[in-house]
Structures are given as structure tokens and as C-alpha cells.
Amino acid sequence: MATGNHIITHKNHTWSRFGLVLSMLLVLFALTGWLVIGNCEMWFADYRQTEPRPATIKMVALRIDSNIMRAQAIMENLVYSDGPLELANDVKGLDQLVEVIYKDFQAMGEQFPGDNSQYQKALASFSEWKSVRDEAIGLTAAGPSLRAKEMVRGKSAAHVQEIRAALMALNRFSEKRALD
């Protein structure tokens, strides 16, 4: 019987060694996985900085485009404001939307390495639109103005189309570059 107990004890000891080895392997694999995932950012950082990501750029470009169209709609409503309070609310909404658009342009700019003329053209076109907006707001603040309404429907709308065309050219550029 002493030999039988020795065999049972030996089997339990073998299983506990196997469990210990298995546990150590699992810890080793987990540690290796953690290290690999943690260093992926370091390994691929150069790739992310040199190649614009077309899906990200397209998404941001579409969001900017949508917000520019909303801003133009606010401009079209703004010239029909009934008084200073309504005009102030419309201007405040427009200013908030313009701030969001600038943040999106900044996010888009981070996707391009160095100085990108397509990006700079789209941003400059949007920045130039401010003078048109300010002039229309000034005319409207002075009182009901047919000139302000014509400016928003003509000059402002044409400038919005110019901005949208620059955004789409930037999007095409990023898609073409991704294919190269």
C-alpha cells in the first residue's frame, strides 16, 4: 500500500508541475502580447505621420462641408432677422459653428505632413469667407438691407461653393496619394 500512495502522490505532484508550467506560459504570452501592443504606436508612428489617411480626411472634409452649408443657411436666415436680439442669437450660432469648422480644419491639417498646398488653399478660402460674413452682418445690423440679402445669396453662396470645391480637391488628393 505504501507504493500505491507514492504513485498517487507522484501523479498529483506531476499535475501541479504541469499546472505551474502552463501558468508560467500563459503569463509569458500575456506579457509578450502586452509589450507588442504597447510598442505598436512606436513602431508605426513614422507611417502615421507621413501618410494622410484618406478615410479620416474624407470624414473630416464631409463634416466641414456639412457645417459650411449649415453656416450658409444661418447666413441666409440672419439677413431676415427682425431685431438686434434675433440677429445677436444668429451671429452667436454662426460664430460657434465657425469655431467647430476651424477645429475640424486643424484636425485635418494634422493628417498632412509638412506644408500641403491643397489643405492651405481650402483653409485660406474658408478664412477669406469671414470678410463676406462680417460685411453681411454689418449691413443687417444697420437695418433691413436688400444689399445684405443679395450679398448672402450671391457673393457668400459663391464663396461657399469655392470652399466646398477646395475641400473636394483636398479629398481627391488624399485618396490619390493613398493609392500611390
Foldseek 3Di string as FASTA:
>chain_A
DVVVVVVVVVVVVVVVVVVVVVVVVVVVVVVVVVVVVVCPCVVCVVVQQAAQDLVLLVVLLVVLLVLLVVLLVLLLVLLVDPADVSNVVSVVVSVVSLVVSVVSLVVNVSRHHDDDPLSVQLVVLSVVLVVLSVVLSVVSNVHRDPVSNCSSVPVNVVSSVVSSVSSVVVSVVSVVRVVD
